[in-house]
């Protein structure tokens, strides 16, 4: 009996330290999620104190809404291209800056700096560069260009360029950390056995930095799928719906069109999509790590 009391007293302190975190998580995540799920079955306009339940009408409307599917396609196109480009460029820079290059710490800082700038500020800077800076610069060489953000065919790629510029810093640091964990003895042994640089990279370096690849792919993809602020301050989804992503689409329906019930239903659908994408991505890359 005495032993049980001591054990309860000891475990109580662990629980006592967990309680503040659990309370905060419940207030910040669980309760808003449950309330959002509830409002997704209503016609709430975001202001009224009373709501009317509409069953699955909001979900049926979402799945038959062509604008929803178009914004979803734009979101995945944006996220997939950025995930590939950011990881490829960050890995190449990490390989370059993990060598005995002179001033490598300076270049690491230079490439990391854009990631600490505010996304909103970066959006305004690039918006100005696209509209004024680059056209003025190219006009000195007799080349007339216009802002890609005003062209429906190129606006999304204009945003992707901004996101890549901002996004390579953190993945590059994670890749450098992974590369510094690769044993130099393994690379020397491979070189003695006749392996060239590409063979050493593919068969030794790449498998050993697989955890870094998993983390970077996951962070970049999920972060890109949730993009909002950059799109909102640069194009606000235009022109002609060409840069409308799911987050701005949800925002406009919830706050501009006063359809908060429909907006929360869209949010619930997007939440499920994000969970599925994350599970699939982790299972694929984790399996690759185990196999190697």
Protein backbone atom coordinates (compact mmCIF):
# COMPACT_ATOMS: atom_id res chain seq x y z
CA UNK A 1 0.00 0.00 0.00
CA UNK A 2 2.83 2.33 0.88
CA UNK A 3 4.53 1.51 -2.40
CA UNK A 4 1.38 2.35 -4.37
CA UNK A 5 1.03 5.68 -2.59
CA UNK A 6 4.63 6.55 -3.37
CA UNK A 7 4.11 5.65 -7.00
CA UNK A 8 0.93 7.79 -7.22
CA UNK A 9 2.73 10.68 -5.54
CA UNK A 10 5.65 10.38 -8.00
CA UNK A 11 3.40 10.08 -11.08
CA UNK A 12 1.29 13.00 -9.88
CA UNK A 13 4.15 15.41 -10.46
CA UNK A 14 4.53 14.19 -14.03
CA UNK A 15 0.81 14.72 -14.61
CA UNK A 16 0.97 18.12 -12.91
CA UNK A 17 3.57 19.27 -15.43
CA UNK A 18 1.46 17.94 -18.32
CA UNK A 19 -1.75 19.70 -17.28
CA UNK A 20 -0.80 23.26 -18.47
CA UNK A 21 0.24 21.93 -21.87
CA UNK A 22 -2.89 19.83 -22.21
CA UNK A 23 -5.09 22.79 -21.23
CA UNK A 24 -3.36 25.04 -23.78
CA UNK A 25 -3.65 22.41 -26.52
CA UNK A 26 -7.33 21.91 -25.71
CA UNK A 27 -8.09 25.64 -25.79
CA UNK A 28 -6.02 26.41 -28.90
CA UNK A 29 -6.63 23.30 -31.01
CA UNK A 30 -9.30 20.89 -29.81
CA UNK A 31 -12.09 23.34 -28.99
CA UNK A 32 -11.69 25.47 -32.19
CA UNK A 33 -11.56 22.27 -34.24
CA UNK A 34 -14.77 20.92 -32.69
CA UNK A 35 -16.51 24.29 -33.11
CA UNK A 36 -15.35 24.48 -36.74
CA UNK A 37 -16.65 20.99 -37.41
CA UNK A 38 -20.00 22.01 -35.91
CA UNK A 39 -20.28 25.21 -37.97
CA UNK A 40 -19.46 23.28 -41.16
CA UNK A 41 -22.94 21.75 -40.94
CA UNK A 42 -24.66 25.14 -40.68
CA UNK A 43 -25.40 28.20 -42.84
CA UNK A 44 -23.62 30.52 -40.38
CA UNK A 45 -22.58 33.82 -41.94
CA UNK A 46 -19.83 34.51 -39.41
CA UNK A 47 -21.75 37.25 -37.58
CA UNK A 48 -25.19 35.99 -36.55
CA UNK A 49 -25.68 34.63 -33.06
CA UNK A 50 -28.02 31.92 -34.30
CA UNK A 51 -27.26 29.23 -36.85
CA UNK A 52 -29.39 26.80 -38.81
CA UNK A 53 -28.21 23.29 -39.45
CA UNK A 54 -28.13 22.33 -43.12
CA UNK A 55 -26.78 18.81 -42.84
CA UNK A 56 -24.27 17.91 -45.54
CA UNK A 57 -25.29 20.73 -47.90
CA UNK A 58 -22.00 22.61 -47.48
CA UNK A 59 -19.98 19.49 -48.26
CA UNK A 60 -22.16 18.63 -51.27
CA UNK A 61 -21.75 22.18 -52.52
CA UNK A 62 -17.96 22.01 -52.10
CA UNK A 63 -17.60 18.81 -54.11
CA UNK A 64 -19.70 20.27 -56.95
CA UNK A 65 -18.06 23.70 -56.88
CA UNK A 66 -15.70 24.09 -59.90
CA UNK A 67 -13.90 26.99 -58.19
CA UNK A 68 -13.01 24.73 -55.27
CA UNK A 69 -11.45 22.14 -57.57
CA UNK A 70 -9.59 24.81 -59.53
CA UNK A 71 -8.15 26.31 -56.35
CA UNK A 72 -7.19 22.81 -55.19
CA UNK A 73 -5.39 22.13 -58.48
CA UNK A 74 -3.56 25.49 -58.21
CA UNK A 75 -2.57 24.64 -54.63
CA UNK A 76 -1.10 21.24 -55.50
CA UNK A 77 0.63 22.58 -58.62
CA UNK A 78 2.20 25.35 -56.54
CA UNK A 79 3.19 22.98 -53.69
CA UNK A 80 4.63 20.18 -55.82
CA UNK A 81 6.79 22.47 -57.98
CA UNK A 82 8.09 24.32 -54.92
CA UNK A 83 8.81 21.09 -53.04
CA UNK A 84 10.89 19.74 -55.92
CA UNK A 85 12.73 23.00 -56.69
CA UNK A 86 13.43 23.99 -53.08
CA UNK A 87 14.78 20.58 -52.11
CA UNK A 88 16.86 20.24 -55.26
CA UNK A 89 18.43 23.69 -54.98
CA UNK A 90 18.89 23.42 -51.20
CA UNK A 91 20.64 20.05 -51.57
CA UNK A 92 22.94 21.36 -54.30
CA UNK A 93 23.83 24.41 -52.20
CA UNK A 94 24.40 22.21 -49.14
CA UNK A 95 26.75 19.96 -51.11
CA UNK A 96 28.63 23.02 -52.33
CA UNK A 97 28.79 24.76 -48.96
CA UNK A 98 29.77 21.60 -47.07
CA UNK A 99 33.09 21.45 -48.93
CA UNK A 100 36.25 23.36 -48.18
CA UNK A 101 34.95 26.37 -50.11
CA UNK A 102 36.40 29.65 -48.92
CA UNK A 103 33.92 32.02 -47.24
CA UNK A 104 31.38 29.18 -46.99
CA UNK A 105 29.98 30.58 -43.72
CA UNK A 106 29.39 33.91 -45.46
CA UNK A 107 27.53 32.23 -48.34
CA UNK A 108 25.49 30.11 -45.90
CA UNK A 109 24.35 33.34 -44.26
CA UNK A 110 23.56 34.95 -47.61
CA UNK A 111 21.41 32.04 -48.77
CA UNK A 112 19.69 31.75 -45.38
CA UNK A 113 18.82 35.46 -45.04
CA UNK A 114 15.70 35.47 -47.28
CA UNK A 115 14.05 32.89 -45.01
CA UNK A 116 14.11 35.27 -42.03
CA UNK A 117 12.41 38.11 -43.91
CA UNK A 118 8.70 38.52 -43.34
CA UNK A 119 6.62 36.78 -45.99
CA UNK A 120 4.41 39.84 -46.35
CA UNK A 121 7.43 42.11 -46.76
CA UNK A 122 8.97 39.75 -49.32
CA UNK A 123 5.70 39.74 -51.22
CA UNK A 124 5.65 43.52 -51.45
CA UNK A 125 9.36 43.65 -52.42
CA UNK A 126 8.94 41.15 -55.25
CA UNK A 127 5.69 42.74 -56.35
CA UNK A 128 7.57 46.02 -56.76
CA UNK A 129 10.49 44.28 -58.51
CA UNK A 130 8.16 42.55 -60.95
CA UNK A 131 6.23 45.75 -61.70
CA UNK A 132 9.02 48.34 -61.69
CA UNK A 133 12.50 47.01 -60.90
CA UNK A 134 12.92 44.28 -63.53
CA UNK A 135 11.14 46.18 -66.36
CA UNK A 136 13.41 49.22 -65.74
CA UNK A 137 16.50 47.00 -65.62
CA UNK A 138 15.70 45.10 -68.81
CA UNK A 139 14.64 48.28 -70.62
CA UNK A 140 18.28 49.43 -70.42
CA UNK A 141 19.13 46.46 -72.66
CA UNK A 142 16.26 47.19 -75.02
CA UNK A 143 14.05 44.38 -73.66
CA UNK A 144 10.46 45.18 -72.75
CA UNK A 145 8.94 42.95 -70.08
CA UNK A 146 5.86 43.15 -67.89
CA UNK A 147 5.08 41.75 -64.47
CA UNK A 148 4.27 38.01 -64.57
CA UNK A 149 1.86 38.59 -61.69
CA UNK A 150 -0.47 40.38 -64.13
CA UNK A 151 -0.47 37.54 -66.66
CA UNK A 152 -2.75 34.55 -65.93
CA UNK A 153 -0.32 32.22 -67.71
CA UNK A 154 2.71 33.19 -65.63
CA UNK A 155 1.33 34.55 -62.34
CA UNK A 156 1.62 31.24 -60.48
CA UNK A 157 5.21 30.80 -61.64
CA UNK A 158 5.96 34.34 -60.46
CA UNK A 159 4.77 33.31 -57.00
CA UNK A 160 6.77 30.09 -57.16
CA UNK A 161 9.96 32.06 -57.85
CA UNK A 162 9.35 34.17 -54.72
CA UNK A 163 8.65 31.08 -52.63
CA UNK A 164 11.79 29.32 -53.83
CA UNK A 165 13.89 32.41 -53.09
CA UNK A 166 12.52 32.51 -49.56
CA UNK A 167 12.33 28.78 -48.93
CA UNK A 168 15.77 27.32 -49.60
CA UNK A 169 17.47 28.63 -46.42
CA UNK A 170 16.09 26.25 -43.78
CA UNK A 171 16.22 23.08 -45.93
CA UNK A 172 19.80 23.95 -46.88
CA UNK A 173 20.80 24.09 -43.20
CA UNK A 174 19.09 20.74 -42.51
CA UNK A 175 20.90 19.17 -45.49
CA UNK A 176 24.24 20.58 -44.32
CA UNK A 177 23.63 19.07 -40.86
CA UNK A 178 22.84 15.72 -42.50
CA UNK A 179 25.95 15.87 -44.70
CA UNK A 180 28.17 16.58 -41.72
CA UNK A 181 26.97 13.27 -40.22
CA UNK A 182 28.26 11.30 -43.22
CA UNK A 183 31.46 9.51 -42.29
CA UNK A 184 34.47 10.65 -44.29
CA UNK A 185 35.97 7.16 -43.91
CA UNK A 186 33.14 5.64 -45.92
CA UNK A 187 33.69 8.10 -48.75
CA UNK A 188 37.45 7.48 -48.69
CA UNK A 189 36.88 3.69 -48.78
CA UNK A 190 34.54 4.09 -51.75
CA UNK A 191 37.13 6.23 -53.53
CA UNK A 192 39.82 3.61 -52.92
CA UNK A 193 37.48 0.95 -54.33
CA UNK A 194 37.19 2.97 -57.52
CA UNK A 195 33.84 4.68 -57.04
CA UNK A 196 33.51 8.02 -58.79
CA UNK A 197 31.89 11.10 -57.23
CA UNK A 198 28.39 10.36 -58.52
CA UNK A 199 28.51 6.71 -57.35
CA UNK A 200 29.67 7.78 -53.88
CA UNK A 201 26.88 10.32 -53.68
CA UNK A 202 24.15 7.95 -54.88
CA UNK A 203 25.18 4.88 -52.86
CA UNK A 204 26.59 6.43 -49.67
CA UNK A 205 25.71 10.08 -49.16
CA UNK A 206 22.11 10.00 -50.38
CA UNK A 207 21.01 7.01 -48.22
CA UNK A 208 22.69 8.48 -45.14
CA UNK A 209 20.93 11.82 -45.50
CA UNK A 210 17.54 10.16 -46.14
CA UNK A 211 16.15 11.40 -42.77
CA UNK A 212 17.03 14.97 -43.79
CA UNK A 213 15.25 14.45 -47.12
CA UNK A 214 12.16 13.15 -45.31
CA UNK A 215 12.03 16.14 -42.97
CA UNK A 216 12.59 18.69 -45.73
CA UNK A 217 10.09 17.14 -48.13
CA UNK A 218 7.47 17.01 -45.39
CA UNK A 219 8.03 20.55 -44.14
CA UNK A 220 8.20 22.17 -47.57
CA UNK A 221 5.20 20.29 -49.00
CA UNK A 222 2.88 20.86 -46.04
CA UNK A 223 4.01 24.50 -45.73
CA UNK A 224 3.40 25.10 -49.44
CA UNK A 225 -0.03 23.50 -49.34
CA UNK A 226 -1.00 25.92 -46.56
CA UNK A 227 0.26 29.05 -48.36
CA UNK A 228 -1.90 32.12 -47.80
CA UNK A 229 -0.09 35.34 -46.92
CA UNK A 230 2.17 35.55 -49.97
CA UNK A 231 -0.69 34.92 -52.40
CA UNK A 232 -2.94 37.35 -50.57
CA UNK A 233 -0.49 40.29 -50.60
CA UNK A 234 0.78 39.80 -54.15
CA UNK A 235 -2.11 38.67 -56.35
CA UNK A 236 -5.02 37.99 -53.97
CA UNK A 237 -5.83 34.97 -56.13
CA UNK A 238 -5.87 36.79 -59.47
CA UNK A 239 -5.62 37.43 -62.29
CA UNK A 240 -8.58 35.39 -63.57
CA UNK A 241 -8.38 32.91 -60.67
CA UNK A 242 -4.94 31.76 -61.89
CA UNK A 243 -3.29 31.98 -58.44
CA UNK A 244 -6.30 31.21 -56.27
CA UNK A 245 -5.18 28.62 -53.71
CA UNK A 246 -7.40 26.79 -51.29
CA UNK A 247 -6.48 29.01 -48.29
CA UNK A 248 -7.41 32.26 -50.05
CA UNK A 249 -10.54 30.59 -51.45
CA UNK A 250 -11.61 29.62 -47.91
CA UNK A 251 -10.81 33.12 -46.62
CA UNK A 252 -12.87 34.85 -49.31
CA UNK A 253 -15.86 32.59 -48.79
CA UNK A 254 -15.71 32.92 -45.01
CA UNK A 255 -15.07 36.66 -44.63
CA UNK A 256 -15.69 38.43 -47.94
CA UNK A 257 -18.83 36.50 -48.90
CA UNK A 258 -20.02 35.98 -45.31
CA UNK A 259 -20.35 32.21 -45.79
CA UNK A 260 -18.52 31.02 -42.70
CA UNK A 261 -20.43 27.73 -42.63
CA UNK A 262 -19.33 26.91 -46.17
CA UNK A 263 -15.81 28.16 -45.38
CA UNK A 264 -15.46 25.84 -42.38
CA UNK A 265 -16.71 22.92 -44.49
CA UNK A 266 -13.96 23.72 -47.02
CA UNK A 267 -11.48 23.91 -44.14
CA UNK A 268 -12.53 20.47 -42.88
CA UNK A 269 -12.09 18.97 -46.35
CA UNK A 270 -8.69 20.62 -46.70
CA UNK A 271 -7.71 19.33 -43.25
CA UNK A 272 -8.48 15.75 -44.29
CA UNK A 273 -6.50 16.23 -47.52
CA UNK A 274 -3.49 17.53 -45.56
CA UNK A 275 -3.63 14.59 -43.16
CA UNK A 276 -3.79 12.09 -46.03
CA UNK A 277 -0.93 13.76 -47.91
CA UNK A 278 1.21 13.80 -44.77
CA UNK A 279 0.54 10.13 -43.96
CA UNK A 280 1.27 9.01 -47.53
CA UNK A 281 4.42 11.11 -47.74
CA UNK A 282 5.82 9.90 -44.42
CA UNK A 283 5.07 6.26 -45.20
CA UNK A 284 6.84 6.49 -48.57
CA UNK A 285 9.97 8.22 -47.32
CA UNK A 286 10.19 6.22 -44.06
CA UNK A 287 10.00 2.98 -46.05
CA UNK A 288 12.84 4.22 -48.18
CA UNK A 289 14.91 4.93 -45.08
CA UNK A 290 14.30 1.43 -43.71
CA UNK A 291 15.15 -0.25 -46.98
CA UNK A 292 18.42 1.62 -47.22
